[in-house]
Amino acid sequence: RTFNSYAVGWFRQAPGKEREFVAAIS
């Protein structure tokens, strides 16, 4: 689908750690 109706976020997960928020864009 076209991407221009989605908000997007980046997350990361390091070994042995929970996934965490990095950045988001409208």
mmCIF file of all heavy atoms, coordinates in Angstrom:
data_MODEL
# 
_entry.id   MODEL 
# 
loop_
_atom_site.group_PDB 
_atom_site.id 
_atom_site.type_symbol 
_atom_site.label_atom_id 
_atom_site.label_alt_id 
_atom_site.label_comp_id 
_atom_site.label_asym_id 
_atom_site.label_entity_id 
_atom_site.label_seq_id 
_atom_site.pdbx_PDB_ins_code 
_atom_site.Cartn_x 
_atom_site.Cartn_y 
_atom_site.Cartn_z 
_atom_site.occupancy 
_atom_site.B_iso_or_equiv 
_atom_site.pdbx_formal_charge 
_atom_site.auth_seq_id 
_atom_site.auth_comp_id 
_atom_site.auth_asym_id 
_atom_site.auth_atom_id 
_atom_site.pdbx_PDB_model_num 
ATOM 1   N N   . ARG A 1 1  ? 0.855  -1.172 0.000  1.00 0.00 ? 1  ARG A N   1 
ATOM 2   C CA  . ARG A 1 1  ? 0.000  0.000  0.000  1.00 0.00 ? 1  ARG A CA  1 
ATOM 3   C C   . ARG A 1 1  ? 0.895  1.227  0.000  1.00 0.00 ? 1  ARG A C   1 
ATOM 4   O O   . ARG A 1 1  ? 2.048  1.160  0.395  1.00 0.00 ? 1  ARG A O   1 
ATOM 5   C CB  . ARG A 1 1  ? -0.908 0.025  1.235  1.00 0.00 ? 1  ARG A CB  1 
ATOM 6   C CG  . ARG A 1 1  ? -1.988 -1.034 1.255  1.00 0.00 ? 1  ARG A CG  1 
ATOM 7   C CD  . ARG A 1 1  ? -2.990 -0.776 2.353  1.00 0.00 ? 1  ARG A CD  1 
ATOM 8   N NE  . ARG A 1 1  ? -3.680 0.498  2.197  1.00 0.00 ? 1  ARG A NE  1 
ATOM 9   C CZ  . ARG A 1 1  ? -4.605 0.943  3.026  1.00 0.00 ? 1  ARG A CZ  1 
ATOM 10  N NH1 . ARG A 1 1  ? -4.939 0.230  4.097  1.00 0.00 ? 1  ARG A NH1 1 
ATOM 11  N NH2 . ARG A 1 1  ? -5.202 2.099  2.836  1.00 0.00 ? 1  ARG A NH2 1 
ATOM 12  N N   . THR A 1 2  ? 0.351  2.349  -0.419 1.00 0.00 ? 2  THR A N   1 
ATOM 13  C CA  . THR A 1 2  ? 1.157  3.564  -0.369 1.00 0.00 ? 2  THR A CA  1 
ATOM 14  C C   . THR A 1 2  ? 1.440  3.926  1.078  1.00 0.00 ? 2  THR A C   1 
ATOM 15  O O   . THR A 1 2  ? 0.625  3.715  1.970  1.00 0.00 ? 2  THR A O   1 
ATOM 16  C CB  . THR A 1 2  ? 0.445  4.729  -1.067 1.00 0.00 ? 2  THR A CB  1 
ATOM 17  O OG1 . THR A 1 2  ? -0.837 4.897  -0.452 1.00 0.00 ? 2  THR A OG1 1 
ATOM 18  C CG2 . THR A 1 2  ? 0.266  4.448  -2.538 1.00 0.00 ? 2  THR A CG2 1 
ATOM 19  N N   . PHE A 1 3  ? 2.617  4.464  1.273  1.00 0.00 ? 3  PHE A N   1 
ATOM 20  C CA  . PHE A 1 3  ? 3.138  4.679  2.618  1.00 0.00 ? 3  PHE A CA  1 
ATOM 21  C C   . PHE A 1 3  ? 2.666  5.990  3.225  1.00 0.00 ? 3  PHE A C   1 
ATOM 22  O O   . PHE A 1 3  ? 2.829  6.222  4.411  1.00 0.00 ? 3  PHE A O   1 
ATOM 23  C CB  . PHE A 1 3  ? 4.663  4.667  2.545  1.00 0.00 ? 3  PHE A CB  1 
ATOM 24  C CG  . PHE A 1 3  ? 5.341  4.077  3.730  1.00 0.00 ? 3  PHE A CG  1 
ATOM 25  C CD1 . PHE A 1 3  ? 4.658  3.359  4.691  1.00 0.00 ? 3  PHE A CD1 1 
ATOM 26  C CD2 . PHE A 1 3  ? 6.710  4.242  3.887  1.00 0.00 ? 3  PHE A CD2 1 
ATOM 27  C CE1 . PHE A 1 3  ? 5.295  2.808  5.770  1.00 0.00 ? 3  PHE A CE1 1 
ATOM 28  C CE2 . PHE A 1 3  ? 7.371  3.688  4.970  1.00 0.00 ? 3  PHE A CE2 1 
ATOM 29  C CZ  . PHE A 1 3  ? 6.667  2.964  5.907  1.00 0.00 ? 3  PHE A CZ  1 
ATOM 30  N N   . ASN A 1 4  ? 2.067  6.854  2.406  1.00 0.00 ? 4  ASN A N   1 
ATOM 31  C CA  . ASN A 1 4  ? 1.833  8.202  2.892  1.00 0.00 ? 4  ASN A CA  1 
ATOM 32  C C   . ASN A 1 4  ? 0.628  8.343  3.816  1.00 0.00 ? 4  ASN A C   1 
ATOM 33  O O   . ASN A 1 4  ? 0.258  9.458  4.166  1.00 0.00 ? 4  ASN A O   1 
ATOM 34  C CB  . ASN A 1 4  ? 1.732  9.194  1.729  1.00 0.00 ? 4  ASN A CB  1 
ATOM 35  C CG  . ASN A 1 4  ? 0.598  8.857  0.796  1.00 0.00 ? 4  ASN A CG  1 
ATOM 36  O OD1 . ASN A 1 4  ? -0.177 7.931  1.047  1.00 0.00 ? 4  ASN A OD1 1 
ATOM 37  N ND2 . ASN A 1 4  ? 0.482  9.605  -0.289 1.00 0.00 ? 4  ASN A ND2 1 
ATOM 38  N N   . SER A 1 5  ? 0.028  7.222  4.216  1.00 0.00 ? 5  SER A N   1 
ATOM 39  C CA  . SER A 1 5  ? -1.035 7.296  5.216  1.00 0.00 ? 5  SER A CA  1 
ATOM 40  C C   . SER A 1 5  ? -0.647 6.555  6.487  1.00 0.00 ? 5  SER A C   1 
ATOM 41  O O   . SER A 1 5  ? -1.511 6.254  7.316  1.00 0.00 ? 5  SER A O   1 
ATOM 42  C CB  . SER A 1 5  ? -2.335 6.723  4.657  1.00 0.00 ? 5  SER A CB  1 
ATOM 43  O OG  . SER A 1 5  ? -2.157 5.375  4.285  1.00 0.00 ? 5  SER A OG  1 
ATOM 44  N N   . TYR A 1 6  ? 0.645  6.290  6.665  1.00 0.00 ? 6  TYR A N   1 
ATOM 45  C CA  . TYR A 1 6  ? 1.121  5.564  7.828  1.00 0.00 ? 6  TYR A CA  1 
ATOM 46  C C   . TYR A 1 6  ? 2.087  6.406  8.644  1.00 0.00 ? 6  TYR A C   1 
ATOM 47  O O   . TYR A 1 6  ? 3.005  7.014  8.098  1.00 0.00 ? 6  TYR A O   1 
ATOM 48  C CB  . TYR A 1 6  ? 1.841  4.280  7.408  1.00 0.00 ? 6  TYR A CB  1 
ATOM 49  C CG  . TYR A 1 6  ? 0.939  3.209  6.846  1.00 0.00 ? 6  TYR A CG  1 
ATOM 50  C CD1 . TYR A 1 6  ? 0.613  3.201  5.495  1.00 0.00 ? 6  TYR A CD1 1 
ATOM 51  C CD2 . TYR A 1 6  ? 0.409  2.229  7.660  1.00 0.00 ? 6  TYR A CD2 1 
ATOM 52  C CE1 . TYR A 1 6  ? -0.222 2.231  4.981  1.00 0.00 ? 6  TYR A CE1 1 
ATOM 53  C CE2 . TYR A 1 6  ? -0.418 1.242  7.154  1.00 0.00 ? 6  TYR A CE2 1 
ATOM 54  C CZ  . TYR A 1 6  ? -0.731 1.247  5.814  1.00 0.00 ? 6  TYR A CZ  1 
ATOM 55  O OH  . TYR A 1 6  ? -1.552 0.286  5.299  1.00 0.00 ? 6  TYR A OH  1 
ATOM 56  N N   . ALA A 1 7  ? 1.895  6.410  9.957  1.00 0.00 ? 7  ALA A N   1 
ATOM 57  C CA  . ALA A 1 7  ? 2.928  6.902  10.857 1.00 0.00 ? 7  ALA A CA  1 
ATOM 58  C C   . ALA A 1 7  ? 3.929  5.771  11.050 1.00 0.00 ? 7  ALA A C   1 
ATOM 59  O O   . ALA A 1 7  ? 3.547  4.595  11.064 1.00 0.00 ? 7  ALA A O   1 
ATOM 60  C CB  . ALA A 1 7  ? 2.324  7.314  12.190 1.00 0.00 ? 7  ALA A CB  1 
ATOM 61  N N   . VAL A 1 8  ? 5.190  6.118  11.166 1.00 0.00 ? 8  VAL A N   1 
ATOM 62  C CA  . VAL A 1 8  ? 6.244  5.101  11.214 1.00 0.00 ? 8  VAL A CA  1 
ATOM 63  C C   . VAL A 1 8  ? 7.153  5.350  12.412 1.00 0.00 ? 8  VAL A C   1 
ATOM 64  O O   . VAL A 1 8  ? 7.441  6.499  12.770 1.00 0.00 ? 8  VAL A O   1 
ATOM 65  C CB  . VAL A 1 8  ? 7.068  5.125  9.914  1.00 0.00 ? 8  VAL A CB  1 
ATOM 66  C CG1 . VAL A 1 8  ? 8.239  4.155  9.991  1.00 0.00 ? 8  VAL A CG1 1 
ATOM 67  C CG2 . VAL A 1 8  ? 6.172  4.780  8.725  1.00 0.00 ? 8  VAL A CG2 1 
ATOM 68  N N   . GLY A 1 9  ? 7.594  4.272  12.999 1.00 0.00 ? 9  GLY A N   1 
ATOM 69  C CA  . GLY A 1 9  ? 8.541  4.363  14.097 1.00 0.00 ? 9  GLY A CA  1 
ATOM 70  C C   . GLY A 1 9  ? 9.707  3.421  13.891 1.00 0.00 ? 9  GLY A C   1 
ATOM 71  O O   . GLY A 1 9  ? 9.604  2.433  13.170 1.00 0.00 ? 9  GLY A O   1 
ATOM 72  N N   . TRP A 1 10 ? 10.835 3.783  14.499 1.00 0.00 ? 10 TRP A N   1 
ATOM 73  C CA  . TRP A 1 10 ? 11.996 2.900  14.554 1.00 0.00 ? 10 TRP A CA  1 
ATOM 74  C C   . TRP A 1 10 ? 12.176 2.460  16.008 1.00 0.00 ? 10 TRP A C   1 
ATOM 75  O O   . TRP A 1 10 ? 12.083 3.286  16.930 1.00 0.00 ? 10 TRP A O   1 
ATOM 76  C CB  . TRP A 1 10 ? 13.263 3.607  14.090 1.00 0.00 ? 10 TRP A CB  1 
ATOM 77  C CG  . TRP A 1 10 ? 13.399 3.747  12.608 1.00 0.00 ? 10 TRP A CG  1 
ATOM 78  C CD1 . TRP A 1 10 ? 13.106 4.845  11.851 1.00 0.00 ? 10 TRP A CD1 1 
ATOM 79  C CD2 . TRP A 1 10 ? 13.894 2.763  11.683 1.00 0.00 ? 10 TRP A CD2 1 
ATOM 80  N NE1 . TRP A 1 10 ? 13.368 4.601  10.530 1.00 0.00 ? 10 TRP A NE1 1 
ATOM 81  C CE2 . TRP A 1 10 ? 13.871 3.322  10.396 1.00 0.00 ? 10 TRP A CE2 1 
ATOM 82  C CE3 . TRP A 1 10 ? 14.366 1.455  11.836 1.00 0.00 ? 10 TRP A CE3 1 
ATOM 83  C CZ2 . TRP A 1 10 ? 14.280 2.636  9.255  1.00 0.00 ? 10 TRP A CZ2 1 
ATOM 84  C CZ3 . TRP A 1 10 ? 14.773 0.776  10.701 1.00 0.00 ? 10 TRP A CZ3 1 
ATOM 85  C CH2 . TRP A 1 10 ? 14.729 1.360  9.432  1.00 0.00 ? 10 TRP A CH2 1 
ATOM 86  N N   . PHE A 1 11 ? 12.458 1.184  16.170 1.00 0.00 ? 11 PHE A N   1 
ATOM 87  C CA  . PHE A 1 11 ? 12.734 0.605  17.470 1.00 0.00 ? 11 PHE A CA  1 
ATOM 88  C C   . PHE A 1 11 ? 14.023 -0.200 17.367 1.00 0.00 ? 11 PHE A C   1 
ATOM 89  O O   . PHE A 1 11 ? 14.469 -0.527 16.261 1.00 0.00 ? 11 PHE A O   1 
ATOM 90  C CB  . PHE A 1 11 ? 11.584 -0.312 17.914 1.00 0.00 ? 11 PHE A CB  1 
ATOM 91  C CG  . PHE A 1 11 ? 10.305 0.422  18.187 1.00 0.00 ? 11 PHE A CG  1 
ATOM 92  C CD1 . PHE A 1 11 ? 9.482  0.824  17.145 1.00 0.00 ? 11 PHE A CD1 1 
ATOM 93  C CD2 . PHE A 1 11 ? 9.922  0.720  19.479 1.00 0.00 ? 11 PHE A CD2 1 
ATOM 94  C CE1 . PHE A 1 11 ? 8.298  1.521  17.385 1.00 0.00 ? 11 PHE A CE1 1 
ATOM 95  C CE2 . PHE A 1 11 ? 8.738  1.405  19.742 1.00 0.00 ? 11 PHE A CE2 1 
ATOM 96  C CZ  . PHE A 1 11 ? 7.941  1.807  18.686 1.00 0.00 ? 11 PHE A CZ  1 
ATOM 97  N N   . ARG A 1 12 ? 14.607 -0.550 18.498 1.00 0.00 ? 12 ARG A N   1 
ATOM 98  C CA  . ARG A 1 12 ? 15.795 -1.395 18.478 1.00 0.00 ? 12 ARG A CA  1 
ATOM 99  C C   . ARG A 1 12 ? 15.792 -2.335 19.674 1.00 0.00 ? 12 ARG A C   1 
ATOM 100 O O   . ARG A 1 12 ? 15.195 -2.034 20.709 1.00 0.00 ? 12 ARG A O   1 
ATOM 101 C CB  . ARG A 1 12 ? 17.059 -0.547 18.457 1.00 0.00 ? 12 ARG A CB  1 
ATOM 102 C CG  . ARG A 1 12 ? 17.314 0.252  19.741 1.00 0.00 ? 12 ARG A CG  1 
ATOM 103 C CD  . ARG A 1 12 ? 18.524 1.149  19.557 1.00 0.00 ? 12 ARG A CD  1 
ATOM 104 N NE  . ARG A 1 12 ? 18.812 1.917  20.766 1.00 0.00 ? 12 ARG A NE  1 
ATOM 105 C CZ  . ARG A 1 12 ? 19.755 2.855  20.838 1.00 0.00 ? 12 ARG A CZ  1 
ATOM 106 N NH1 . ARG A 1 12 ? 20.504 3.146  19.770 1.00 0.00 ? 12 ARG A NH1 1 
ATOM 107 N NH2 . ARG A 1 12 ? 19.962 3.485  21.973 1.00 0.00 ? 12 ARG A NH2 1 
ATOM 108 N N   . GLN A 1 13 ? 16.471 -3.444 19.486 1.00 0.00 ? 13 GLN A N   1 
ATOM 109 C CA  . GLN A 1 13 ? 16.583 -4.420 20.559 1.00 0.00 ? 13 GLN A CA  1 
ATOM 110 C C   . GLN A 1 13 ? 18.011 -4.938 20.613 1.00 0.00 ? 13 GLN A C   1 
ATOM 111 O O   . GLN A 1 13 ? 18.490 -5.552 19.649 1.00 0.00 ? 13 GLN A O   1 
ATOM 112 C CB  . GLN A 1 13 ? 15.610 -5.576 20.361 1.00 0.00 ? 13 GLN A CB  1 
ATOM 113 C CG  . GLN A 1 13 ? 15.560 -6.530 21.537 1.00 0.00 ? 13 GLN A CG  1 
ATOM 114 C CD  . GLN A 1 13 ? 14.392 -7.486 21.473 1.00 0.00 ? 13 GLN A CD  1 
ATOM 115 O OE1 . GLN A 1 13 ? 13.831 -7.727 20.404 1.00 0.00 ? 13 GLN A OE1 1 
ATOM 116 N NE2 . GLN A 1 13 ? 13.994 -8.022 22.617 1.00 0.00 ? 13 GLN A NE2 1 
ATOM 117 N N   . ALA A 1 14 ? 18.658 -4.677 21.712 1.00 0.00 ? 14 ALA A N   1 
ATOM 118 C CA  . ALA A 1 14 ? 20.011 -5.165 21.944 1.00 0.00 ? 14 ALA A CA  1 
ATOM 119 C C   . ALA A 1 14 ? 19.945 -6.541 22.600 1.00 0.00 ? 14 ALA A C   1 
ATOM 120 O O   . ALA A 1 14 ? 18.935 -6.889 23.223 1.00 0.00 ? 14 ALA A O   1 
ATOM 121 C CB  . ALA A 1 14 ? 20.766 -4.182 22.839 1.00 0.00 ? 14 ALA A CB  1 
ATOM 122 N N   . PRO A 1 15 ? 21.006 -7.324 22.486 1.00 0.00 ? 15 PRO A N   1 
ATOM 123 C CA  . PRO A 1 15 ? 21.004 -8.664 23.083 1.00 0.00 ? 15 PRO A CA  1 
ATOM 124 C C   . PRO A 1 15 ? 20.708 -8.607 24.579 1.00 0.00 ? 15 PRO A C   1 
ATOM 125 O O   . PRO A 1 15 ? 21.316 -7.824 25.313 1.00 0.00 ? 15 PRO A O   1 
ATOM 126 C CB  . PRO A 1 15 ? 22.420 -9.163 22.813 1.00 0.00 ? 15 PRO A CB  1 
ATOM 127 C CG  . PRO A 1 15 ? 22.859 -8.414 21.616 1.00 0.00 ? 15 PRO A CG  1 
ATOM 128 C CD  . PRO A 1 15 ? 22.240 -7.052 21.725 1.00 0.00 ? 15 PRO A CD  1 
ATOM 129 N N   . GLY A 1 16 ? 19.747 -9.419 25.003 1.00 0.00 ? 16 GLY A N   1 
ATOM 130 C CA  . GLY A 1 16 ? 19.422 -9.491 26.411 1.00 0.00 ? 16 GLY A CA  1 
ATOM 131 C C   . GLY A 1 16 ? 18.598 -8.332 26.940 1.00 0.00 ? 16 GLY A C   1 
ATOM 132 O O   . GLY A 1 16 ? 18.346 -8.259 28.149 1.00 0.00 ? 16 GLY A O   1 
ATOM 133 N N   . LYS A 1 17 ? 18.183 -7.443 26.066 1.00 0.00 ? 17 LYS A N   1 
ATOM 134 C CA  . LYS A 1 17 ? 17.394 -6.287 26.506 1.00 0.00 ? 17 LYS A CA  1 
ATOM 135 C C   . LYS A 1 17 ? 16.045 -6.250 25.796 1.00 0.00 ? 17 LYS A C   1 
ATOM 136 O O   . LYS A 1 17 ? 15.843 -6.894 24.764 1.00 0.00 ? 17 LYS A O   1 
ATOM 137 C CB  . LYS A 1 17 ? 18.157 -4.993 26.226 1.00 0.00 ? 17 LYS A CB  1 
ATOM 138 C CG  . LYS A 1 17 ? 19.441 -4.856 27.020 1.00 0.00 ? 17 LYS A CG  1 
ATOM 139 C CD  . LYS A 1 17 ? 20.052 -3.494 26.817 1.00 0.00 ? 17 LYS A CD  1 
ATOM 140 C CE  . LYS A 1 17 ? 21.301 -3.316 27.677 1.00 0.00 ? 17 LYS A CE  1 
ATOM 141 N NZ  . LYS A 1 17 ? 21.907 -1.953 27.501 1.00 0.00 ? 17 LYS A NZ  1 
ATOM 142 N N   . GLU A 1 18 ? 15.132 -5.478 26.367 1.00 0.00 ? 18 GLU A N   1 
ATOM 143 C CA  . GLU A 1 18 ? 13.833 -5.312 25.739 1.00 0.00 ? 18 GLU A CA  1 
ATOM 144 C C   . GLU A 1 18 ? 13.944 -4.346 24.556 1.00 0.00 ? 18 GLU A C   1 
ATOM 145 O O   . GLU A 1 18 ? 14.838 -3.508 24.484 1.00 0.00 ? 18 GLU A O   1 
ATOM 146 C CB  . GLU A 1 18 ? 12.828 -4.773 26.767 1.00 0.00 ? 18 GLU A CB  1 
ATOM 147 C CG  . GLU A 1 18 ? 12.526 -5.750 27.886 1.00 0.00 ? 18 GLU A CG  1 
ATOM 148 C CD  . GLU A 1 18 ? 11.419 -5.258 28.793 1.00 0.00 ? 18 GLU A CD  1 
ATOM 149 O OE1 . GLU A 1 18 ? 11.003 -4.090 28.651 1.00 0.00 ? 18 GLU A OE1 1 
ATOM 150 O OE2 . GLU A 1 18 ? 10.974 -6.043 29.639 1.00 0.00 ? 18 GLU A OE2 1 
ATOM 151 N N   . ARG A 1 19 ? 12.984 -4.487 23.660 1.00 0.00 ? 19 ARG A N   1 
ATOM 152 C CA  . ARG A 1 19 ? 12.948 -3.574 22.532 1.00 0.00 ? 19 ARG A CA  1 
ATOM 153 C C   . ARG A 1 19 ? 12.600 -2.177 23.024 1.00 0.00 ? 19 ARG A C   1 
ATOM 154 O O   . ARG A 1 19 ? 11.742 -2.009 23.895 1.00 0.00 ? 19 ARG A O   1 
ATOM 155 C CB  . ARG A 1 19 ? 11.922 -4.060 21.504 1.00 0.00 ? 19 ARG A CB  1 
ATOM 156 C CG  . ARG A 1 19 ? 11.951 -3.313 20.202 1.00 0.00 ? 19 ARG A CG  1 
ATOM 157 C CD  . ARG A 1 19 ? 11.386 -4.149 19.061 1.00 0.00 ? 19 ARG A CD  1 
ATOM 158 N NE  . ARG A 1 19 ? 10.053 -4.638 19.306 1.00 0.00 ? 19 ARG A NE  1 
ATOM 159 C CZ  . ARG A 1 19 ? 9.422  -5.491 18.503 1.00 0.00 ? 19 ARG A CZ  1 
ATOM 160 N NH1 . ARG A 1 19 ? 10.029 -5.941 17.413 1.00 0.00 ? 19 ARG A NH1 1 
ATOM 161 N NH2 . ARG A 1 19 ? 8.212  -5.895 18.795 1.00 0.00 ? 19 ARG A NH2 1 
ATOM 162 N N   . GLU A 1 20 ? 13.277 -1.169 22.456 1.00 0.00 ? 20 GLU A N   1 
ATOM 163 C CA  . GLU A 1 20 ? 13.064 0.196  22.893 1.00 0.00 ? 20 GLU A CA  1 
ATOM 164 C C   . GLU A 1 20 ? 12.817 1.129  21.717 1.00 0.00 ? 20 GLU A C   1 
ATOM 165 O O   . GLU A 1 20 ? 13.271 0.889  20.600 1.00 0.00 ? 20 GLU A O   1 
ATOM 166 C CB  . GLU A 1 20 ? 14.279 0.709  23.692 1.00 0.00 ? 20 GLU A CB  1 
ATOM 167 C CG  . GLU A 1 20 ? 15.546 0.827  22.901 1.00 0.00 ? 20 GLU A CG  1 
ATOM 168 C CD  . GLU A 1 20 ? 16.682 1.488  23.698 1.00 0.00 ? 20 GLU A CD  1 
ATOM 169 O OE1 . GLU A 1 20 ? 16.486 1.827  24.864 1.00 0.00 ? 20 GLU A OE1 1 
ATOM 170 O OE2 . GLU A 1 20 ? 17.774 1.654  23.116 1.00 0.00 ? 20 GLU A OE2 1 
ATOM 171 N N   . PHE A 1 21 ? 12.092 2.181  22.009 1.00 0.00 ? 21 PHE A N   1 
ATOM 172 C CA  . PHE A 1 21 ? 11.765 3.193  21.014 1.00 0.00 ? 21 PHE A CA  1 
ATOM 173 C C   . PHE A 1 21 ? 13.012 4.002  20.637 1.00 0.00 ? 21 PHE A C   1 
ATOM 174 O O   . PHE A 1 21 ? 13.833 4.335  21.496 1.00 0.00 ? 21 PHE A O   1 
ATOM 175 C CB  . PHE A 1 21 ? 10.697 4.124  21.584 1.00 0.00 ? 21 PHE A CB  1 
ATOM 176 C CG  . PHE A 1 21 ? 10.457 5.355  20.768 1.00 0.00 ? 21 PHE A CG  1 
ATOM 177 C CD1 . PHE A 1 21 ? 9.685  5.305  19.619 1.00 0.00 ? 21 PHE A CD1 1 
ATOM 178 C CD2 . PHE A 1 21 ? 11.011 6.570  21.145 1.00 0.00 ? 21 PHE A CD2 1 
ATOM 179 C CE1 . PHE A 1 21 ? 9.463  6.451  18.863 1.00 0.00 ? 21 PHE A CE1 1 
ATOM 180 C CE2 . PHE A 1 21 ? 10.795 7.718  20.402 1.00 0.00 ? 21 PHE A CE2 1 
ATOM 181 C CZ  . PHE A 1 21 ? 10.012 7.654  19.255 1.00 0.00 ? 21 PHE A CZ  1 
ATOM 182 N N   . VAL A 1 22 ? 13.119 4.327  19.349 1.00 0.00 ? 22 VAL A N   1 
ATOM 183 C CA  . VAL A 1 22 ? 14.223 5.149  18.859 1.00 0.00 ? 22 VAL A CA  1 
ATOM 184 C C   . VAL A 1 22 ? 13.720 6.474  18.297 1.00 0.00 ? 22 VAL A C   1 
ATOM 185 O O   . VAL A 1 22 ? 14.177 7.550  18.701 1.00 0.00 ? 22 VAL A O   1 
ATOM 186 C CB  . VAL A 1 22 ? 15.041 4.398  17.795 1.00 0.00 ? 22 VAL A CB  1 
ATOM 187 C CG1 . VAL A 1 22 ? 16.118 5.303  17.212 1.00 0.00 ? 22 VAL A CG1 1 
ATOM 188 C CG2 . VAL A 1 22 ? 15.644 3.123  18.376 1.00 0.00 ? 22 VAL A CG2 1 
ATOM 189 N N   . ALA A 1 23 ? 12.790 6.401  17.354 1.00 0.00 ? 23 ALA A N   1 
ATOM 190 C CA  . ALA A 1 23 ? 12.308 7.623  16.710 1.00 0.00 ? 23 ALA A CA  1 
ATOM 191 C C   . ALA A 1 23 ? 10.988 7.339  16.007 1.00 0.00 ? 23 ALA A C   1 
ATOM 192 O O   . ALA A 1 23 ? 10.686 6.194  15.682 1.00 0.00 ? 23 ALA A O   1 
ATOM 193 C CB  . ALA A 1 23 ? 13.332 8.146  15.700 1.00 0.00 ? 23 ALA A CB  1 
ATOM 194 N N   . ALA A 1 24 ? 10.206 8.405  15.785 1.00 0.00 ? 24 ALA A N   1 
ATOM 195 C CA  . ALA A 1 24 ? 8.936  8.264  15.088 1.00 0.00 ? 24 ALA A CA  1 
ATOM 196 C C   . ALA A 1 24 ? 8.689  9.478  14.208 1.00 0.00 ? 24 ALA A C   1 
ATOM 197 O O   . ALA A 1 24 ? 9.215  10.572 14.473 1.00 0.00 ? 24 ALA A O   1 
ATOM 198 C CB  . ALA A 1 24 ? 7.787  8.095  16.082 1.00 0.00 ? 24 ALA A CB  1 
ATOM 199 N N   . ILE A 1 25 ? 7.877  9.263  13.175 1.00 0.00 ? 25 ILE A N   1 
ATOM 200 C CA  . ILE A 1 25 ? 7.556  10.342 12.243 1.00 0.00 ? 25 ILE A CA  1 
ATOM 201 C C   . ILE A 1 25 ? 6.099  10.230 11.844 1.00 0.00 ? 25 ILE A C   1 
ATOM 202 O O   . ILE A 1 25 ? 5.573  9.127  11.671 1.00 0.00 ? 25 ILE A O   1 
ATOM 203 C CB  . ILE A 1 25 ? 8.496  10.292 11.014 1.00 0.00 ? 25 ILE A CB  1 
ATOM 204 C CG1 . ILE A 1 25 ? 8.328  11.537 10.142 1.00 0.00 ? 25 ILE A CG1 1 
ATOM 205 C CG2 . ILE A 1 25 ? 8.295  9.013  10.212 1.00 0.00 ? 25 ILE A CG2 1 
ATOM 206 C CD1 . ILE A 1 25 ? 9.447  11.708 9.108  1.00 0.00 ? 25 ILE A CD1 1 
ATOM 207 N N   . SER A 1 26 ? 5.445  11.377 11.721 1.00 0.00 ? 26 SER A N   1 
ATOM 208 C CA  . SER A 1 26 ? 4.047  11.385 11.314 1.00 0.00 ? 26 SER A CA  1 
ATOM 209 C C   . SER A 1 26 ? 3.936  11.078 9.823  1.00 0.00 ? 26 SER A C   1 
ATOM 210 O O   . SER A 1 26 ? 4.926  11.121 9.079  1.00 0.00 ? 26 SER A O   1 
ATOM 211 C CB  . SER A 1 26 ? 3.449  12.766 11.586 1.00 0.00 ? 26 SER A CB  1 
ATOM 212 O OG  . SER A 1 26 ? 4.157  13.774 10.867 1.00 0.00 ? 26 SER A OG  1 
# 
